[in-house]
């Protein structure tokens, strides 16, 4: 758009304002697989940053994990800071998995 400025005494000048709207350039964060070990009958306590320790965001945004698939053989208690507690089901041993986004 253009506008005119005046000194109130017949002198004036015109200028143009240009506004450029850029597309959203948010890039998805990079999540890296994690692996932990816990003894049968034990409890795994992982402090922050836990799940997020090896994950990054190109823009430096704060990451928060969201559990999308729960473990099939235990109880998971996740926190927003990436820490979590996992307790395997009684008598279970083997591999258990969960997914976060």
N, C-alpha and C. Protein backbone atom coordinates (compact mmCIF):
# COMPACT_ATOMS: atom_id res chain seq x y z
N UNK A 1 0.84 -1.16 0.00
CA UNK A 1 0.00 0.00 0.00
C UNK A 1 0.89 1.23 0.00
N UNK A 2 0.33 2.35 -0.34
CA UNK A 2 1.09 3.60 -0.34
C UNK A 2 0.46 4.56 0.65
N UNK A 3 1.28 5.47 1.12
CA UNK A 3 0.78 6.50 2.01
C UNK A 3 1.54 7.79 1.72
N UNK A 4 0.96 8.89 2.15
CA UNK A 4 1.56 10.20 1.94
C UNK A 4 1.76 10.87 3.29
N UNK A 5 2.91 11.49 3.45
CA UNK A 5 3.18 12.28 4.64
C UNK A 5 3.26 13.74 4.24
N UNK A 6 2.80 14.57 5.13
CA UNK A 6 2.77 16.01 4.83
C UNK A 6 3.28 16.78 6.03
N UNK A 7 3.91 17.90 5.74
CA UNK A 7 4.39 18.75 6.84
C UNK A 7 3.35 19.79 7.24
N UNK A 8 2.16 19.71 6.63
CA UNK A 8 1.11 20.65 6.95
C UNK A 8 1.26 22.00 6.28
N UNK A 9 2.28 22.15 5.46
CA UNK A 9 2.53 23.43 4.78
C UNK A 9 2.70 23.22 3.28
N UNK A 10 1.93 22.35 2.69
CA UNK A 10 1.92 22.06 1.26
C UNK A 10 3.03 21.11 0.79
N UNK A 11 4.02 20.79 1.60
CA UNK A 11 5.05 19.85 1.19
C UNK A 11 4.64 18.44 1.63
N UNK A 12 4.78 17.49 0.72
CA UNK A 12 4.42 16.11 1.05
C UNK A 12 5.27 15.15 0.24
N UNK A 13 5.22 13.90 0.65
CA UNK A 13 5.95 12.86 -0.06
C UNK A 13 5.18 11.55 0.11
N UNK A 14 5.32 10.66 -0.86
CA UNK A 14 4.60 9.40 -0.87
C UNK A 14 5.60 8.25 -0.72
N UNK A 15 5.19 7.23 0.03
CA UNK A 15 6.02 6.04 0.22
C UNK A 15 5.15 4.80 0.04
N UNK A 16 5.81 3.69 -0.24
CA UNK A 16 5.12 2.42 -0.43
C UNK A 16 5.57 1.43 0.64
N UNK A 17 4.62 0.72 1.20
CA UNK A 17 4.90 -0.33 2.18
C UNK A 17 4.65 -1.67 1.49
N UNK A 18 5.64 -2.56 1.55
CA UNK A 18 5.50 -3.90 0.97
C UNK A 18 5.52 -4.91 2.11
N UNK A 19 4.54 -5.80 2.12
CA UNK A 19 4.46 -6.86 3.13
C UNK A 19 4.54 -8.20 2.42
N UNK A 20 5.48 -9.03 2.85
CA UNK A 20 5.63 -10.36 2.29
C UNK A 20 5.21 -11.39 3.33
N UNK A 21 4.26 -12.23 2.98
CA UNK A 21 3.81 -13.31 3.87
C UNK A 21 4.53 -14.58 3.43
N UNK A 22 5.31 -15.14 4.34
CA UNK A 22 6.08 -16.34 4.01
C UNK A 22 5.35 -17.59 4.48
N UNK A 23 5.58 -18.72 3.82
CA UNK A 23 4.91 -19.96 4.24
C UNK A 23 5.46 -20.45 5.57
N UNK A 24 4.63 -21.22 6.27
CA UNK A 24 5.06 -21.83 7.52
C UNK A 24 6.16 -22.84 7.20
N UNK A 25 7.30 -22.67 7.84
CA UNK A 25 8.44 -23.55 7.54
C UNK A 25 8.75 -24.50 8.70
N UNK A 26 7.72 -24.81 9.47
CA UNK A 26 7.94 -25.74 10.58
C UNK A 26 8.33 -27.11 10.03
N UNK A 27 9.45 -27.60 10.51
CA UNK A 27 9.96 -28.91 10.09
C UNK A 27 9.72 -29.89 11.24
N UNK A 28 9.31 -31.09 10.89
CA UNK A 28 9.01 -32.11 11.91
C UNK A 28 10.25 -32.43 12.74
N UNK A 29 10.05 -32.71 14.03
CA UNK A 29 11.18 -33.12 14.87
C UNK A 29 11.71 -34.49 14.44
N UNK A 30 12.91 -34.80 14.90
CA UNK A 30 13.53 -36.08 14.60
C UNK A 30 13.50 -36.93 15.87
N UNK A 31 12.78 -38.04 15.81
CA UNK A 31 12.71 -38.97 16.94
C UNK A 31 13.60 -40.17 16.64
N UNK A 32 14.38 -40.57 17.63
CA UNK A 32 15.30 -41.69 17.48
C UNK A 32 14.85 -42.81 18.43
N UNK A 33 14.90 -44.05 17.96
CA UNK A 33 14.49 -45.19 18.78
C UNK A 33 15.29 -45.25 20.08
N UNK A 34 14.66 -45.76 21.12
CA UNK A 34 15.28 -45.91 22.44
C UNK A 34 15.23 -47.38 22.85
N UNK A 35 16.13 -47.79 23.72
CA UNK A 35 16.13 -49.16 24.24
C UNK A 35 16.55 -49.13 25.71
N UNK A 36 15.82 -49.84 26.53
CA UNK A 36 16.10 -49.93 27.96
C UNK A 36 16.00 -51.39 28.40
N UNK A 37 16.58 -51.70 29.55
CA UNK A 37 16.52 -53.04 30.11
C UNK A 37 16.07 -52.95 31.56
N UNK A 38 15.20 -53.86 31.95
CA UNK A 38 14.76 -53.95 33.33
C UNK A 38 14.67 -55.43 33.70
N UNK A 39 15.02 -55.76 34.93
CA UNK A 39 14.97 -57.15 35.39
C UNK A 39 13.52 -57.59 35.57
N UNK A 40 13.27 -58.87 35.34
CA UNK A 40 11.93 -59.43 35.57
C UNK A 40 11.51 -59.12 37.00
N UNK A 41 10.30 -58.61 37.15
CA UNK A 41 9.78 -58.25 38.46
C UNK A 41 10.23 -56.88 38.95
N UNK A 42 11.08 -56.20 38.17
CA UNK A 42 11.58 -54.88 38.57
C UNK A 42 10.75 -53.76 37.99
N UNK A 43 11.18 -52.55 38.27
CA UNK A 43 10.54 -51.35 37.73
C UNK A 43 11.61 -50.48 37.12
N UNK A 44 11.35 -49.98 35.93
CA UNK A 44 12.28 -49.10 35.23
C UNK A 44 11.85 -47.66 35.45
N UNK A 45 12.72 -46.86 36.10
CA UNK A 45 12.47 -45.44 36.32
C UNK A 45 13.47 -44.66 35.48
N UNK A 46 13.00 -43.95 34.47
CA UNK A 46 13.88 -43.18 33.60
C UNK A 46 13.62 -41.70 33.83
N UNK A 47 14.62 -40.95 34.33
CA UNK A 47 14.43 -39.53 34.60
C UNK A 47 14.46 -38.70 33.31
N UNK A 48 13.99 -37.46 33.40
CA UNK A 48 14.04 -36.54 32.26
C UNK A 48 15.50 -36.30 31.86
N UNK A 49 15.80 -36.14 30.61
CA UNK A 49 14.86 -36.02 29.50
C UNK A 49 14.38 -37.35 28.95
N UNK A 50 14.85 -38.47 29.46
CA UNK A 50 14.31 -39.79 29.13
C UNK A 50 14.11 -40.03 27.65
N UNK A 51 12.86 -40.21 27.24
CA UNK A 51 12.53 -40.49 25.85
C UNK A 51 13.05 -39.42 24.90
N UNK A 52 13.13 -38.19 25.37
CA UNK A 52 13.50 -37.06 24.51
C UNK A 52 15.00 -36.82 24.44
N UNK A 53 15.79 -37.60 25.17
CA UNK A 53 17.23 -37.36 25.27
C UNK A 53 17.92 -37.36 23.91
N UNK A 54 17.50 -38.21 23.00
CA UNK A 54 18.17 -38.29 21.70
C UNK A 54 17.29 -37.77 20.56
N UNK A 55 16.23 -37.05 20.88
CA UNK A 55 15.35 -36.47 19.87
C UNK A 55 15.63 -34.98 19.73
N UNK A 56 15.45 -34.44 18.53
CA UNK A 56 15.76 -33.04 18.28
C UNK A 56 14.67 -32.38 17.45
N UNK A 57 14.62 -31.06 17.52
CA UNK A 57 13.74 -30.27 16.68
C UNK A 57 14.58 -29.25 15.94
N UNK A 58 14.51 -29.22 14.60
CA UNK A 58 15.35 -28.30 13.82
C UNK A 58 15.19 -26.83 14.20
N UNK A 59 13.99 -26.43 14.63
CA UNK A 59 13.77 -25.03 15.02
C UNK A 59 14.02 -24.78 16.50
N UNK A 60 14.35 -25.84 17.23
CA UNK A 60 14.59 -25.68 18.66
C UNK A 60 13.33 -25.63 19.49
N UNK A 61 12.19 -26.03 18.91
CA UNK A 61 10.94 -26.04 19.67
C UNK A 61 11.03 -27.05 20.81
N UNK A 62 10.29 -26.79 21.88
CA UNK A 62 10.23 -27.71 23.01
C UNK A 62 9.46 -28.96 22.59
N UNK A 63 10.03 -30.11 22.86
CA UNK A 63 9.39 -31.38 22.49
C UNK A 63 8.62 -31.96 23.66
N UNK A 64 7.49 -32.57 23.37
CA UNK A 64 6.68 -33.26 24.37
C UNK A 64 6.24 -34.59 23.77
N UNK A 65 6.56 -35.72 24.41
CA UNK A 65 6.16 -37.01 23.84
C UNK A 65 4.67 -37.29 24.08
N UNK A 66 4.06 -37.91 23.09
CA UNK A 66 2.68 -38.38 23.20
C UNK A 66 2.70 -39.88 22.92
N UNK A 67 2.22 -40.67 23.85
CA UNK A 67 2.21 -42.12 23.67
C UNK A 67 1.09 -42.49 22.69
N UNK A 68 1.47 -43.16 21.59
CA UNK A 68 0.48 -43.56 20.59
C UNK A 68 0.15 -45.05 20.66
N UNK A 69 1.06 -45.87 21.15
CA UNK A 69 0.82 -47.30 21.34
C UNK A 69 1.38 -47.70 22.70
N UNK A 70 0.53 -48.21 23.56
CA UNK A 70 0.96 -48.64 24.90
C UNK A 70 1.67 -49.98 24.84
N UNK A 71 2.51 -50.28 25.84
CA UNK A 71 3.15 -51.60 25.88
C UNK A 71 2.09 -52.68 26.12
N UNK A 72 2.32 -53.85 25.54
CA UNK A 72 1.37 -54.97 25.67
C UNK A 72 1.58 -55.77 26.94
N UNK A 73 2.78 -55.66 27.54
CA UNK A 73 3.13 -56.56 28.65
C UNK A 73 3.56 -55.81 29.90
N UNK A 74 3.04 -54.61 30.10
CA UNK A 74 3.43 -53.86 31.29
C UNK A 74 2.63 -52.58 31.41
N UNK A 75 2.94 -51.84 32.45
CA UNK A 75 2.28 -50.57 32.73
C UNK A 75 3.28 -49.45 32.51
N UNK A 76 2.88 -48.45 31.75
CA UNK A 76 3.72 -47.30 31.44
C UNK A 76 3.11 -46.05 32.03
N UNK A 77 3.94 -45.26 32.72
CA UNK A 77 3.52 -43.97 33.26
C UNK A 77 4.46 -42.91 32.71
N UNK A 78 4.09 -42.27 31.59
CA UNK A 78 4.96 -41.26 30.98
C UNK A 78 4.68 -39.86 31.54
N UNK A 79 5.66 -38.97 31.39
CA UNK A 79 5.50 -37.57 31.79
C UNK A 79 5.86 -36.67 30.61
N UNK A 80 5.38 -35.44 30.63
CA UNK A 80 5.61 -34.49 29.54
C UNK A 80 7.08 -34.15 29.34
N UNK A 81 7.90 -34.30 30.39
CA UNK A 81 9.33 -33.97 30.27
C UNK A 81 10.16 -35.11 29.69
N UNK A 82 9.50 -36.21 29.28
CA UNK A 82 10.21 -37.35 28.69
C UNK A 82 10.54 -38.45 29.69
N UNK A 83 10.42 -38.16 30.97
CA UNK A 83 10.67 -39.21 31.97
C UNK A 83 9.51 -40.21 31.94
N UNK A 84 9.77 -41.41 32.43
CA UNK A 84 8.70 -42.40 32.50
C UNK A 84 9.05 -43.51 33.48
N UNK A 85 8.01 -44.22 33.89
CA UNK A 85 8.16 -45.41 34.73
C UNK A 85 7.48 -46.55 33.98
N UNK A 86 8.18 -47.68 33.88
CA UNK A 86 7.62 -48.87 33.23
C UNK A 86 7.75 -50.04 34.18
N UNK A 87 6.65 -50.76 34.38
CA UNK A 87 6.64 -51.96 35.21
C UNK A 87 6.11 -53.12 34.38
N UNK A 88 6.94 -54.14 34.16
CA UNK A 88 6.46 -55.29 33.38
C UNK A 88 5.38 -56.06 34.15
N UNK A 89 4.51 -56.72 33.41
CA UNK A 89 3.47 -57.55 34.03
C UNK A 89 4.13 -58.65 34.86
N UNK A 90 3.45 -59.06 35.90
CA UNK A 90 3.98 -60.10 36.79
C UNK A 90 4.31 -61.36 36.00
N UNK A 91 5.53 -61.86 36.17
CA UNK A 91 5.97 -63.08 35.51
C UNK A 91 6.41 -62.91 34.07
N UNK A 92 6.28 -61.69 33.52
CA UNK A 92 6.64 -61.49 32.11
C UNK A 92 8.14 -61.24 31.97
N UNK A 93 8.72 -61.86 30.95
CA UNK A 93 10.07 -61.52 30.51
C UNK A 93 10.08 -61.61 28.99
N UNK A 94 10.88 -60.81 28.37
CA UNK A 94 10.92 -60.74 26.91
C UNK A 94 10.92 -59.29 26.47
N UNK A 95 10.65 -59.07 25.21
CA UNK A 95 10.65 -57.71 24.66
C UNK A 95 9.24 -57.13 24.71
N UNK A 96 9.16 -55.90 25.15
CA UNK A 96 7.90 -55.16 25.15
C UNK A 96 8.20 -53.83 24.47
N UNK A 97 7.23 -53.26 23.81
CA UNK A 97 7.46 -52.00 23.10
C UNK A 97 6.29 -51.05 23.33
N UNK A 98 6.57 -49.77 23.17
CA UNK A 98 5.53 -48.75 23.08
C UNK A 98 6.02 -47.71 22.09
N UNK A 99 5.09 -46.93 21.57
CA UNK A 99 5.41 -45.94 20.55
C UNK A 99 5.00 -44.56 21.03
N UNK A 100 5.86 -43.59 20.77
CA UNK A 100 5.51 -42.20 21.07
C UNK A 100 5.76 -41.34 19.85
N UNK A 101 5.03 -40.24 19.78
CA UNK A 101 5.21 -39.28 18.68
C UNK A 101 5.48 -37.92 19.25
